[in-house]
Amino acid sequence: MLWWGYNEIKSQLEPPQAILVLGGSTTKLEREKFTAEFARKHPNIPIWISGGSPPQPTQKVFAKAGVSPKRLHLDYEASNTVENFTTIVDELKSSGIKNVYLITSDYHMRRARIIGEIVLGSRGISFKPVTVPSRQASEPIQKSIRDGARALVWVVTGYTGDNDPKDQR
């Protein structure tokens, strides 16, 4: 509880230095469109999209919003929410990023926050959640518990629980 309080205060004191968007197969570019508009209000920070929509439609959304393609970092290594974080956290860390805006759909944010606290927190990175409105009900708490456990396993072992041998990080 004390750790969470410290991270909450830290995330409020340090302005985010990047935008991290969690892609999803059911987004229909909703998260990308939301982020493009959000990025216009934060013109000087890079945007990482993990597991988002294919590159060409994603780049088109950002170009239409007037966001420079130089700001985009598209990552397609992730195949699930835990990997959205684990495949990109070390790149964020090596780029000197200490605080990010974390963007995902409202129904997905509880799980993203739990995983983010564990994975991003393990590298000293805090985040400020920004939700994309939707009409979907929140995910079941069981998904959050399961993926929180998978994130803890990754911190200790480098393995997310996926059966893919390339998962070792």
N, C-alpha and C. Protein backbone atom coordinates (compact mmCIF):
# COMPACT_ATOMS: atom_id res chain seq x y z
N MET A 1 0.82 -1.19 0.00
CA MET A 1 0.00 0.00 0.00
C MET A 1 0.87 1.26 0.00
N LEU A 2 1.93 1.25 0.79
CA LEU A 2 2.84 2.38 0.85
C LEU A 2 3.51 2.61 -0.50
N TRP A 3 3.93 1.50 -1.17
CA TRP A 3 4.55 1.59 -2.49
C TRP A 3 3.60 2.24 -3.48
N TRP A 4 2.33 1.85 -3.47
CA TRP A 4 1.36 2.42 -4.39
C TRP A 4 1.22 3.92 -4.14
N GLY A 5 1.17 4.33 -2.88
CA GLY A 5 1.06 5.74 -2.54
C GLY A 5 2.25 6.54 -3.03
N TYR A 6 3.44 5.98 -2.86
CA TYR A 6 4.66 6.63 -3.34
C TYR A 6 4.62 6.80 -4.85
N ASN A 7 4.24 5.75 -5.57
CA ASN A 7 4.17 5.83 -7.03
C ASN A 7 3.11 6.81 -7.49
N GLU A 8 2.00 6.88 -6.79
CA GLU A 8 0.94 7.82 -7.15
C GLU A 8 1.43 9.25 -7.00
N ILE A 9 2.12 9.56 -5.92
CA ILE A 9 2.66 10.90 -5.71
C ILE A 9 3.74 11.20 -6.75
N LYS A 10 4.62 10.24 -6.98
CA LYS A 10 5.70 10.40 -7.96
C LYS A 10 5.14 10.70 -9.34
N SER A 11 4.09 9.98 -9.74
CA SER A 11 3.52 10.19 -11.07
C SER A 11 2.88 11.57 -11.20
N GLN A 12 2.44 12.15 -10.09
CA GLN A 12 1.85 13.48 -10.12
C GLN A 12 2.92 14.57 -10.18
N LEU A 13 4.08 14.32 -9.58
CA LEU A 13 5.15 15.31 -9.53
C LEU A 13 5.98 15.38 -10.81
N GLU A 14 6.23 14.25 -11.43
CA GLU A 14 7.02 14.21 -12.65
C GLU A 14 6.08 14.21 -13.86
N PRO A 15 6.23 15.18 -14.75
CA PRO A 15 5.36 15.15 -15.93
C PRO A 15 5.73 13.97 -16.83
N PRO A 16 4.75 13.32 -17.43
CA PRO A 16 5.04 12.22 -18.33
C PRO A 16 5.94 12.66 -19.50
N GLN A 17 6.86 11.78 -19.86
CA GLN A 17 7.82 12.06 -20.91
C GLN A 17 7.49 11.29 -22.19
N ALA A 18 6.46 10.47 -22.15
CA ALA A 18 6.07 9.67 -23.31
C ALA A 18 4.62 9.24 -23.15
N ILE A 19 4.08 8.78 -24.25
CA ILE A 19 2.74 8.20 -24.27
C ILE A 19 2.92 6.73 -24.60
N LEU A 20 2.31 5.86 -23.79
CA LEU A 20 2.32 4.42 -24.04
C LEU A 20 0.88 3.97 -24.28
N VAL A 21 0.63 3.45 -25.46
CA VAL A 21 -0.70 3.00 -25.84
C VAL A 21 -0.70 1.49 -25.92
N LEU A 22 -1.66 0.88 -25.25
CA LEU A 22 -1.83 -0.57 -25.34
C LEU A 22 -2.81 -0.87 -26.46
N GLY A 23 -2.31 -1.52 -27.49
CA GLY A 23 -3.17 -1.87 -28.61
C GLY A 23 -4.03 -3.06 -28.27
N GLY A 24 -5.00 -3.31 -29.09
CA GLY A 24 -5.88 -4.46 -28.87
C GLY A 24 -6.56 -4.82 -30.17
N SER A 25 -6.89 -6.08 -30.31
CA SER A 25 -7.47 -6.55 -31.57
C SER A 25 -8.88 -6.03 -31.80
N THR A 26 -9.55 -5.57 -30.77
CA THR A 26 -10.94 -5.12 -30.94
C THR A 26 -11.06 -3.61 -30.97
N THR A 27 -9.95 -2.89 -31.10
CA THR A 27 -10.00 -1.44 -30.99
C THR A 27 -10.57 -0.74 -32.22
N LYS A 28 -10.42 -1.33 -33.41
CA LYS A 28 -10.87 -0.69 -34.65
C LYS A 28 -10.29 0.73 -34.74
N LEU A 29 -9.04 0.86 -34.34
CA LEU A 29 -8.31 2.12 -34.34
C LEU A 29 -8.84 3.13 -33.32
N GLU A 30 -9.74 2.73 -32.43
CA GLU A 30 -10.29 3.66 -31.45
C GLU A 30 -9.19 4.23 -30.54
N ARG A 31 -8.32 3.37 -30.05
CA ARG A 31 -7.26 3.84 -29.16
C ARG A 31 -6.27 4.72 -29.92
N GLU A 32 -5.97 4.37 -31.16
CA GLU A 32 -5.06 5.16 -31.97
C GLU A 32 -5.66 6.54 -32.27
N LYS A 33 -6.93 6.59 -32.63
CA LYS A 33 -7.59 7.87 -32.91
C LYS A 33 -7.61 8.75 -31.66
N PHE A 34 -7.97 8.17 -30.53
CA PHE A 34 -7.97 8.91 -29.27
C PHE A 34 -6.57 9.45 -28.98
N THR A 35 -5.57 8.59 -29.15
CA THR A 35 -4.19 8.97 -28.85
C THR A 35 -3.69 10.06 -29.78
N ALA A 36 -4.07 10.00 -31.04
CA ALA A 36 -3.64 11.03 -31.99
C ALA A 36 -4.13 12.40 -31.54
N GLU A 37 -5.38 12.47 -31.09
CA GLU A 37 -5.90 13.75 -30.58
C GLU A 37 -5.21 14.14 -29.28
N PHE A 38 -4.99 13.18 -28.42
CA PHE A 38 -4.30 13.42 -27.15
C PHE A 38 -2.87 13.92 -27.42
N ALA A 39 -2.21 13.33 -28.40
CA ALA A 39 -0.83 13.69 -28.74
C ALA A 39 -0.74 15.12 -29.26
N ARG A 40 -1.77 15.58 -29.90
CA ARG A 40 -1.77 16.98 -30.38
C ARG A 40 -1.70 17.95 -29.21
N LYS A 41 -2.25 17.56 -28.08
CA LYS A 41 -2.21 18.41 -26.88
C LYS A 41 -0.89 18.27 -26.12
N HIS A 42 -0.10 17.27 -26.49
CA HIS A 42 1.21 17.01 -25.87
C HIS A 42 2.23 16.86 -26.99
N PRO A 43 2.54 17.96 -27.69
CA PRO A 43 3.28 17.88 -28.95
C PRO A 43 4.76 17.51 -28.86
N ASN A 44 5.33 17.50 -27.69
CA ASN A 44 6.77 17.30 -27.61
C ASN A 44 7.19 15.97 -27.01
N ILE A 45 6.27 15.03 -26.92
CA ILE A 45 6.66 13.74 -26.33
C ILE A 45 6.41 12.60 -27.31
N PRO A 46 7.28 11.59 -27.26
CA PRO A 46 7.14 10.45 -28.17
C PRO A 46 5.97 9.56 -27.80
N ILE A 47 5.55 8.76 -28.77
CA ILE A 47 4.40 7.87 -28.61
C ILE A 47 4.84 6.44 -28.91
N TRP A 48 4.66 5.56 -27.94
CA TRP A 48 4.92 4.14 -28.14
C TRP A 48 3.58 3.44 -28.21
N ILE A 49 3.38 2.64 -29.23
CA ILE A 49 2.16 1.85 -29.35
C ILE A 49 2.58 0.39 -29.35
N SER A 50 2.08 -0.34 -28.37
CA SER A 50 2.44 -1.75 -28.23
C SER A 50 1.27 -2.63 -28.64
N GLY A 51 1.50 -3.42 -29.69
CA GLY A 51 0.48 -4.36 -30.14
C GLY A 51 -0.74 -3.71 -30.74
N GLY A 52 -0.57 -2.59 -31.40
CA GLY A 52 -1.70 -1.87 -31.96
C GLY A 52 -2.15 -2.39 -33.31
N SER A 53 -2.93 -1.57 -33.96
CA SER A 53 -3.41 -1.88 -35.31
C SER A 53 -2.23 -1.90 -36.27
N PRO A 54 -2.40 -2.47 -37.47
CA PRO A 54 -1.30 -2.54 -38.43
C PRO A 54 -0.67 -1.16 -38.69
N PRO A 55 0.61 -1.15 -39.08
CA PRO A 55 1.35 0.11 -39.23
C PRO A 55 0.70 1.14 -40.17
N GLN A 56 0.30 0.71 -41.35
CA GLN A 56 -0.20 1.69 -42.32
C GLN A 56 -1.46 2.42 -41.83
N PRO A 57 -2.50 1.74 -41.35
CA PRO A 57 -3.66 2.47 -40.84
C PRO A 57 -3.32 3.33 -39.62
N THR A 58 -2.43 2.83 -38.76
CA THR A 58 -2.03 3.59 -37.57
C THR A 58 -1.33 4.88 -37.99
N GLN A 59 -0.39 4.78 -38.89
CA GLN A 59 0.35 5.96 -39.35
C GLN A 59 -0.59 6.95 -40.03
N LYS A 60 -1.57 6.44 -40.73
CA LYS A 60 -2.55 7.30 -41.41
C LYS A 60 -3.37 8.11 -40.40
N VAL A 61 -3.79 7.46 -39.31
CA VAL A 61 -4.55 8.15 -38.26
C VAL A 61 -3.74 9.30 -37.68
N PHE A 62 -2.47 9.05 -37.39
CA PHE A 62 -1.64 10.09 -36.79
C PHE A 62 -1.32 11.19 -37.79
N ALA A 63 -1.09 10.83 -39.05
CA ALA A 63 -0.82 11.84 -40.07
C ALA A 63 -2.04 12.75 -40.25
N LYS A 64 -3.23 12.15 -40.28
CA LYS A 64 -4.46 12.92 -40.43
C LYS A 64 -4.64 13.91 -39.27
N ALA A 65 -4.16 13.55 -38.09
CA ALA A 65 -4.25 14.43 -36.92
C ALA A 65 -3.10 15.43 -36.86
N GLY A 66 -2.18 15.33 -37.81
CA GLY A 66 -1.06 16.27 -37.84
C GLY A 66 0.07 15.92 -36.88
N VAL A 67 0.16 14.65 -36.49
CA VAL A 67 1.21 14.19 -35.58
C VAL A 67 2.36 13.63 -36.42
N SER A 68 3.55 14.13 -36.17
CA SER A 68 4.72 13.71 -36.94
C SER A 68 4.99 12.21 -36.79
N PRO A 69 5.27 11.52 -37.90
CA PRO A 69 5.59 10.09 -37.81
C PRO A 69 6.89 9.84 -37.03
N LYS A 70 7.73 10.85 -36.89
CA LYS A 70 8.97 10.72 -36.13
C LYS A 70 8.70 10.47 -34.64
N ARG A 71 7.52 10.82 -34.20
CA ARG A 71 7.16 10.62 -32.78
C ARG A 71 6.70 9.19 -32.51
N LEU A 72 6.35 8.45 -33.54
CA LEU A 72 5.76 7.12 -33.37
C LEU A 72 6.81 6.03 -33.23
N HIS A 73 6.60 5.17 -32.26
CA HIS A 73 7.38 3.96 -32.06
C HIS A 73 6.38 2.82 -32.02
N LEU A 74 6.29 2.06 -33.09
CA LEU A 74 5.32 0.97 -33.18
C LEU A 74 6.01 -0.34 -32.84
N ASP A 75 5.41 -1.08 -31.92
CA ASP A 75 5.98 -2.34 -31.46
C ASP A 75 4.92 -3.42 -31.62
N TYR A 76 5.28 -4.49 -32.32
CA TYR A 76 4.33 -5.57 -32.58
C TYR A 76 4.78 -6.90 -31.99
N GLU A 77 5.65 -6.86 -31.00
CA GLU A 77 6.12 -8.10 -30.38
C GLU A 77 5.08 -8.72 -29.45
N ALA A 78 4.26 -7.90 -28.84
CA ALA A 78 3.31 -8.38 -27.84
C ALA A 78 2.16 -9.16 -28.45
N SER A 79 1.76 -10.21 -27.75
CA SER A 79 0.57 -10.96 -28.18
C SER A 79 -0.49 -10.97 -27.09
N ASN A 80 -0.24 -10.26 -25.99
CA ASN A 80 -1.22 -10.17 -24.90
C ASN A 80 -0.88 -8.95 -24.04
N THR A 81 -1.72 -8.64 -23.09
CA THR A 81 -1.55 -7.42 -22.30
C THR A 81 -0.28 -7.42 -21.46
N VAL A 82 0.08 -8.53 -20.87
CA VAL A 82 1.32 -8.56 -20.09
C VAL A 82 2.50 -8.21 -21.01
N GLU A 83 2.51 -8.81 -22.19
CA GLU A 83 3.60 -8.55 -23.13
C GLU A 83 3.56 -7.13 -23.69
N ASN A 84 2.39 -6.48 -23.69
CA ASN A 84 2.36 -5.07 -24.09
C ASN A 84 3.37 -4.27 -23.25
N PHE A 85 3.51 -4.67 -22.01
CA PHE A 85 4.45 -3.99 -21.11
C PHE A 85 5.86 -4.59 -21.18
N THR A 86 5.95 -5.91 -21.11
CA THR A 86 7.27 -6.54 -20.98
C THR A 86 8.12 -6.38 -22.23
N THR A 87 7.51 -6.27 -23.40
CA THR A 87 8.30 -6.16 -24.63
C THR A 87 8.83 -4.75 -24.85
N ILE A 88 8.33 -3.78 -24.09
CA ILE A 88 8.69 -2.39 -24.35
C ILE A 88 9.33 -1.69 -23.16
N VAL A 89 9.19 -2.24 -21.96
CA VAL A 89 9.63 -1.53 -20.75
C VAL A 89 11.12 -1.22 -20.77
N ASP A 90 11.95 -2.13 -21.24
CA ASP A 90 13.39 -1.88 -21.24
C ASP A 90 13.77 -0.81 -22.26
N GLU A 91 13.04 -0.73 -23.35
CA GLU A 91 13.28 0.33 -24.34
C GLU A 91 12.91 1.69 -23.74
N LEU A 92 11.80 1.75 -23.02
CA LEU A 92 11.43 2.99 -22.34
C LEU A 92 12.51 3.39 -21.35
N LYS A 93 12.95 2.43 -20.55
CA LYS A 93 13.98 2.68 -19.54
C LYS A 93 15.27 3.17 -20.19
N SER A 94 15.72 2.50 -21.25
CA SER A 94 16.98 2.90 -21.91
C SER A 94 16.86 4.25 -22.60
N SER A 95 15.64 4.68 -22.87
CA SER A 95 15.40 6.01 -23.47
C SER A 95 15.32 7.09 -22.40
N GLY A 96 15.48 6.70 -21.15
CA GLY A 96 15.44 7.68 -20.06
C GLY A 96 14.04 8.07 -19.62
N ILE A 97 13.05 7.31 -20.04
CA ILE A 97 11.66 7.59 -19.69
C ILE A 97 11.40 7.16 -18.25
N LYS A 98 10.88 8.07 -17.44
CA LYS A 98 10.59 7.77 -16.04
C LYS A 98 9.10 7.85 -15.72
N ASN A 99 8.32 8.42 -16.64
CA ASN A 99 6.89 8.58 -16.40
C ASN A 99 6.19 8.63 -17.75
N VAL A 100 5.09 7.90 -17.89
CA VAL A 100 4.35 7.86 -19.15
C VAL A 100 2.87 8.10 -18.91
N TYR A 101 2.21 8.58 -19.95
CA TYR A 101 0.75 8.52 -19.99
C TYR A 101 0.44 7.12 -20.48
N LEU A 102 -0.36 6.38 -19.75
CA LEU A 102 -0.77 5.03 -20.15
C LEU A 102 -2.18 5.10 -20.71
N ILE A 103 -2.31 4.81 -22.00
CA ILE A 103 -3.61 4.92 -22.67
C ILE A 103 -4.11 3.54 -23.05
N THR A 104 -5.34 3.26 -22.61
CA THR A 104 -6.05 2.06 -23.02
C THR A 104 -7.55 2.31 -22.80
N SER A 105 -8.36 1.39 -23.24
CA SER A 105 -9.81 1.53 -23.09
C SER A 105 -10.22 1.46 -21.63
N ASP A 106 -11.32 2.12 -21.30
CA ASP A 106 -11.78 2.17 -19.91
C ASP A 106 -12.04 0.77 -19.34
N TYR A 107 -12.58 -0.13 -20.14
CA TYR A 107 -12.89 -1.47 -19.65
C TYR A 107 -11.63 -2.29 -19.37
N HIS A 108 -10.50 -1.86 -19.90
CA HIS A 108 -9.24 -2.59 -19.83
C HIS A 108 -8.28 -1.97 -18.80
N MET A 109 -8.61 -0.78 -18.30
CA MET A 109 -7.65 -0.02 -17.50
C MET A 109 -7.32 -0.68 -16.16
N ARG A 110 -8.25 -1.31 -15.49
CA ARG A 110 -7.92 -1.93 -14.20
C ARG A 110 -6.79 -2.94 -14.37
N ARG A 111 -6.91 -3.81 -15.36
CA ARG A 111 -5.88 -4.81 -15.60
C ARG A 111 -4.57 -4.15 -16.03
N ALA A 112 -4.66 -3.15 -16.89
CA ALA A 112 -3.46 -2.44 -17.34
C ALA A 112 -2.74 -1.77 -16.17
N ARG A 113 -3.51 -1.20 -15.25
CA ARG A 113 -2.88 -0.53 -14.10
C ARG A 113 -2.15 -1.52 -13.21
N ILE A 114 -2.74 -2.67 -12.99
CA ILE A 114 -2.09 -3.69 -12.15
C ILE A 114 -0.79 -4.15 -12.80
N ILE A 115 -0.85 -4.49 -14.06
CA ILE A 115 0.34 -4.96 -14.77
C ILE A 115 1.37 -3.83 -14.85
N GLY A 116 0.92 -2.63 -15.15
CA GLY A 116 1.83 -1.48 -15.25
C GLY A 116 2.55 -1.19 -13.94
N GLU A 117 1.82 -1.26 -12.83
CA GLU A 117 2.47 -1.04 -11.53
C GLU A 117 3.60 -2.03 -11.32
N ILE A 118 3.39 -3.26 -11.74
CA ILE A 118 4.39 -4.30 -11.53
C ILE A 118 5.53 -4.19 -12.54
N VAL A 119 5.21 -4.19 -13.83
CA VAL A 119 6.25 -4.23 -14.87
C VAL A 119 6.95 -2.88 -15.00
N LEU A 120 6.20 -1.82 -15.21
CA LEU A 120 6.84 -0.50 -15.31
C LEU A 120 7.52 -0.14 -14.00
N GLY A 121 6.84 -0.42 -12.90
CA GLY A 121 7.41 -0.13 -11.59
C GLY A 121 8.71 -0.85 -11.33
N SER A 122 8.87 -2.05 -11.89
CA SER A 122 10.11 -2.80 -11.69
C SER A 122 11.31 -2.10 -12.33
N ARG A 123 11.05 -1.16 -13.22
CA ARG A 123 12.12 -0.40 -13.88
C ARG A 123 12.11 1.07 -13.45
N GLY A 124 11.35 1.36 -12.40
CA GLY A 124 11.31 2.72 -11.89
C GLY A 124 10.50 3.69 -12.74
N ILE A 125 9.59 3.16 -13.55
CA ILE A 125 8.77 4.00 -14.42
C ILE A 125 7.37 4.10 -13.82
N SER A 126 6.90 5.32 -13.65
CA SER A 126 5.54 5.52 -13.16
C SER A 126 4.66 5.90 -14.35
N PHE A 127 3.36 5.98 -14.10
CA PHE A 127 2.44 6.30 -15.20
C PHE A 127 1.23 7.03 -14.70
N LYS A 128 0.63 7.74 -15.63
CA LYS A 128 -0.63 8.45 -15.39
C LYS A 128 -1.65 7.82 -16.33
N PRO A 129 -2.67 7.15 -15.81
CA PRO A 129 -3.65 6.49 -16.67
C PRO A 129 -4.56 7.49 -17.40
N VAL A 130 -4.80 7.21 -18.67
CA VAL A 130 -5.71 8.00 -19.48
C VAL A 130 -6.61 6.98 -20.19
N THR A 131 -7.91 7.07 -19.94
CA THR A 131 -8.82 6.06 -20.48
C THR A 131 -9.51 6.53 -21.77
N VAL A 132 -9.65 5.57 -22.67
CA VAL A 132 -10.40 5.78 -23.90
C VAL A 132 -11.83 5.32 -23.60
N PRO A 133 -12.81 6.21 -23.71
CA PRO A 133 -14.19 5.81 -23.41
C PRO A 133 -14.69 4.72 -24.35
N SER A 134 -15.51 3.84 -23.81
CA SER A 134 -16.12 2.78 -24.61
C SER A 134 -17.49 2.48 -24.02
N ARG A 135 -18.16 1.55 -24.62
CA ARG A 135 -19.46 1.12 -24.10
C ARG A 135 -19.39 -0.29 -23.55
N GLN A 136 -18.17 -0.78 -23.33
CA GLN A 136 -18.01 -2.15 -22.85
C GLN A 136 -17.95 -2.17 -21.32
N ALA A 137 -18.44 -3.26 -20.77
CA ALA A 137 -18.34 -3.45 -19.32
C ALA A 137 -16.89 -3.76 -18.95
N SER A 138 -16.51 -3.42 -17.73
CA SER A 138 -15.16 -3.71 -17.26
C SER A 138 -14.89 -5.21 -17.33
N GLU A 139 -13.64 -5.54 -17.56
CA GLU A 139 -13.23 -6.94 -17.61
C GLU A 139 -13.41 -7.59 -16.25
N PRO A 140 -13.58 -8.89 -16.21
CA PRO A 140 -13.69 -9.59 -14.93
C PRO A 140 -12.41 -9.43 -14.11
N ILE A 141 -12.54 -9.31 -12.82
CA ILE A 141 -11.40 -9.14 -11.91
C ILE A 141 -10.42 -10.30 -12.03
N GLN A 142 -10.92 -11.48 -12.39
CA GLN A 142 -10.05 -12.65 -12.52
C GLN A 142 -8.94 -12.42 -13.54
N LYS A 143 -9.24 -11.72 -14.63
CA LYS A 143 -8.21 -11.41 -15.63
C LYS A 143 -7.11 -10.54 -15.02
N SER A 144 -7.51 -9.59 -14.20
CA SER A 144 -6.55 -8.71 -13.56
C SER A 144 -5.66 -9.48 -12.59
N ILE A 145 -6.27 -10.37 -11.83
CA ILE A 145 -5.50 -11.18 -10.86
C ILE A 145 -4.54 -12.10 -11.61
N ARG A 146 -5.04 -12.78 -12.63
CA ARG A 146 -4.21 -13.69 -13.41
C ARG A 146 -3.02 -12.96 -14.03
N ASP A 147 -3.29 -11.84 -14.69
CA ASP A 147 -2.21 -11.14 -15.37
C ASP A 147 -1.29 -10.41 -14.40
N GLY A 148 -1.81 -10.02 -13.25
CA GLY A 148 -0.93 -9.47 -12.22
C GLY A 148 0.07 -10.52 -11.75
N ALA A 149 -0.41 -11.74 -11.59
CA ALA A 149 0.49 -12.84 -11.21
C ALA A 149 1.51 -13.11 -12.31
N ARG A 150 1.07 -13.09 -13.55
CA ARG A 150 1.99 -13.29 -14.68
C ARG A 150 3.05 -12.19 -14.72
N ALA A 151 2.66 -10.97 -14.42
CA ALA A 151 3.61 -9.85 -14.40
C ALA A 151 4.64 -10.05 -13.29
N LEU A 152 4.19 -10.51 -12.12
CA LEU A 152 5.14 -10.79 -11.03
C LEU A 152 6.12 -11.89 -11.41
N VAL A 153 5.62 -12.92 -12.07
CA VAL A 153 6.49 -14.01 -12.53
C VAL A 153 7.52 -13.45 -13.51
N TRP A 154 7.11 -12.56 -14.41
CA TRP A 154 8.04 -11.96 -15.36
C TRP A 154 9.14 -11.17 -14.65
N VAL A 155 8.77 -10.40 -13.63
CA VAL A 155 9.77 -9.61 -12.90
C VAL A 155 10.82 -10.52 -12.29
N VAL A 156 10.39 -11.66 -11.76
CA VAL A 156 11.31 -12.58 -11.09
C VAL A 156 12.09 -13.45 -12.07
N THR A 157 11.42 -13.90 -13.15
CA THR A 157 12.05 -14.91 -14.02
C THR A 157 12.32 -14.45 -15.45
N GLY A 158 11.66 -13.38 -15.89
CA GLY A 158 11.77 -12.97 -17.29
C GLY A 158 10.82 -13.71 -18.20
N TYR A 159 9.92 -14.49 -17.65
CA TYR A 159 8.98 -15.30 -18.41
C TYR A 159 7.56 -14.85 -18.08
N THR A 160 6.73 -14.61 -19.13
CA THR A 160 5.38 -14.09 -18.89
C THR A 160 4.32 -15.17 -18.72
N GLY A 161 4.70 -16.42 -18.93
CA GLY A 161 3.71 -17.48 -18.83
C GLY A 161 3.17 -17.88 -20.18
N ASP A 162 3.59 -17.20 -21.23
CA ASP A 162 3.22 -17.57 -22.60
C ASP A 162 4.03 -18.81 -22.96
N ASN A 163 3.52 -19.65 -23.81
CA ASN A 163 4.22 -20.87 -24.20
C ASN A 163 5.26 -20.65 -25.28
N ASP A 164 5.39 -19.44 -25.76
CA ASP A 164 6.33 -19.13 -26.84
C ASP A 164 7.76 -19.08 -26.29
N PRO A 165 8.70 -19.84 -26.87
CA PRO A 165 10.07 -19.84 -26.39
C PRO A 165 10.76 -18.49 -26.47
N LYS A 166 10.33 -17.61 -27.38
CA LYS A 166 10.95 -16.29 -27.48
C LYS A 166 10.57 -15.40 -26.31
N ASP A 167 9.69 -15.89 -25.44
CA ASP A 167 9.17 -15.10 -24.33
C ASP A 167 10.22 -14.78 -23.28
N GLN A 168 11.29 -15.51 -23.22
CA GLN A 168 12.32 -15.27 -22.22
C GLN A 168 12.95 -13.90 -22.48
N ARG A 169 12.84 -13.00 -21.53
CA ARG A 169 13.38 -11.64 -21.69
C ARG A 169 14.19 -11.27 -20.47
